[in-house]
Amino acid sequence: MTFKQMCTGVTFTYTREQGRVLIRIIVLIPLILSLLWIGYLKANNYTLDQGKQGFIYIFVISSVIGLFYTLMLFLTH
């Protein structure tokens, strides 16, 4: 038992299924955001080339979220 577990009284067992769910979330976030962005562009009669900067923002934000989740996974495992 680690010091943190003794202090909080909380134990956390990481399962393989939880890892699969985390990977699905990390993959789905940019996919859903991109689909929403495409929908917005189509609804307002913009081309995909005009919305390129939005896709860059989606990529950067999704990367930060993915890196944060990955870091938390390794820190808490």
Protein backbone atom coordinates (compact mmCIF):
# COMPACT_ATOMS: atom_id res chain seq x y z
CA MET A 1 0.00 0.00 0.00
CA THR A 2 1.38 3.39 -0.94
CA PHE A 3 1.53 6.44 1.29
CA LYS A 4 -1.18 8.13 -0.78
CA GLN A 5 -3.51 5.16 -0.35
CA MET A 6 -2.89 5.13 3.40
CA CYS A 7 -3.69 8.84 3.69
CA THR A 8 -6.80 8.84 1.53
CA GLY A 9 -8.04 5.33 2.15
CA VAL A 10 -8.69 5.04 -1.58
CA THR A 11 -7.30 2.28 -3.72
CA PHE A 12 -7.62 2.33 -7.50
CA THR A 13 -7.08 -0.67 -9.68
CA TYR A 14 -6.59 0.17 -13.34
CA THR A 15 -8.09 -2.43 -15.63
CA ARG A 16 -7.44 -3.12 -19.29
CA GLU A 17 -11.05 -2.23 -20.15
CA GLN A 18 -10.62 1.23 -18.63
CA GLY A 19 -7.56 1.70 -20.84
CA ARG A 20 -9.61 0.85 -23.92
CA VAL A 21 -12.27 3.35 -22.93
CA LEU A 22 -9.63 6.04 -22.42
CA ILE A 23 -8.16 5.39 -25.87
CA ARG A 24 -11.64 5.57 -27.42
CA ILE A 25 -12.26 8.92 -25.74
CA ILE A 26 -8.91 10.28 -26.90
CA VAL A 27 -9.70 9.22 -30.48
CA LEU A 28 -13.32 10.36 -30.44
CA ILE A 29 -12.66 13.90 -29.18
CA PRO A 30 -10.94 15.18 -32.36
CA LEU A 31 -13.28 13.18 -34.58
CA ILE A 32 -16.42 14.66 -33.03
CA LEU A 33 -14.96 18.18 -32.96
CA SER A 34 -13.96 17.91 -36.61
CA LEU A 35 -17.41 16.70 -37.63
CA LEU A 36 -19.01 19.57 -35.75
CA TRP A 37 -16.62 22.01 -37.42
CA ILE A 38 -17.42 20.61 -40.87
CA GLY A 39 -21.12 20.96 -40.09
CA TYR A 40 -20.62 24.57 -39.06
CA LEU A 41 -18.66 25.34 -42.22
CA LYS A 42 -21.29 23.72 -44.45
CA ALA A 43 -24.16 25.47 -42.67
CA ASN A 44 -22.52 28.88 -43.18
CA ASN A 45 -21.39 28.20 -46.78
CA TYR A 46 -17.66 28.19 -46.05
CA THR A 47 -15.20 25.91 -47.82
CA LEU A 48 -13.00 23.45 -45.97
CA ASP A 49 -9.99 25.49 -47.09
CA GLN A 50 -11.45 28.55 -45.37
CA GLY A 51 -11.92 26.54 -42.17
CA LYS A 52 -8.38 25.14 -42.13
CA GLN A 53 -7.37 27.22 -39.10
CA GLY A 54 -10.23 25.66 -37.11
CA PHE A 55 -8.91 22.19 -37.86
CA ILE A 56 -5.50 23.27 -36.61
CA TYR A 57 -7.09 24.49 -33.36
CA ILE A 58 -8.97 21.19 -33.02
CA PHE A 59 -5.74 19.24 -33.52
CA VAL A 60 -3.84 21.30 -30.95
CA ILE A 61 -6.60 21.19 -28.32
CA SER A 62 -7.14 17.46 -28.83
CA SER A 63 -3.40 16.84 -28.54
CA VAL A 64 -3.24 18.74 -25.26
CA ILE A 65 -6.21 16.78 -23.90
CA GLY A 66 -4.66 13.48 -25.03
CA LEU A 67 -1.31 14.33 -23.48
CA PHE A 68 -2.99 15.34 -20.23
CA TYR A 69 -4.95 12.06 -20.04
CA THR A 70 -1.82 10.07 -20.88
CA LEU A 71 0.20 11.89 -18.22
CA MET A 72 -2.52 11.31 -15.62
CA LEU A 73 -2.66 7.64 -16.56
CA PHE A 74 1.06 7.19 -15.94
CA LEU A 75 1.09 9.33 -12.78
CA THR A 76 -1.83 7.53 -11.15
CA HIS A 77 -1.03 4.00 -12.29
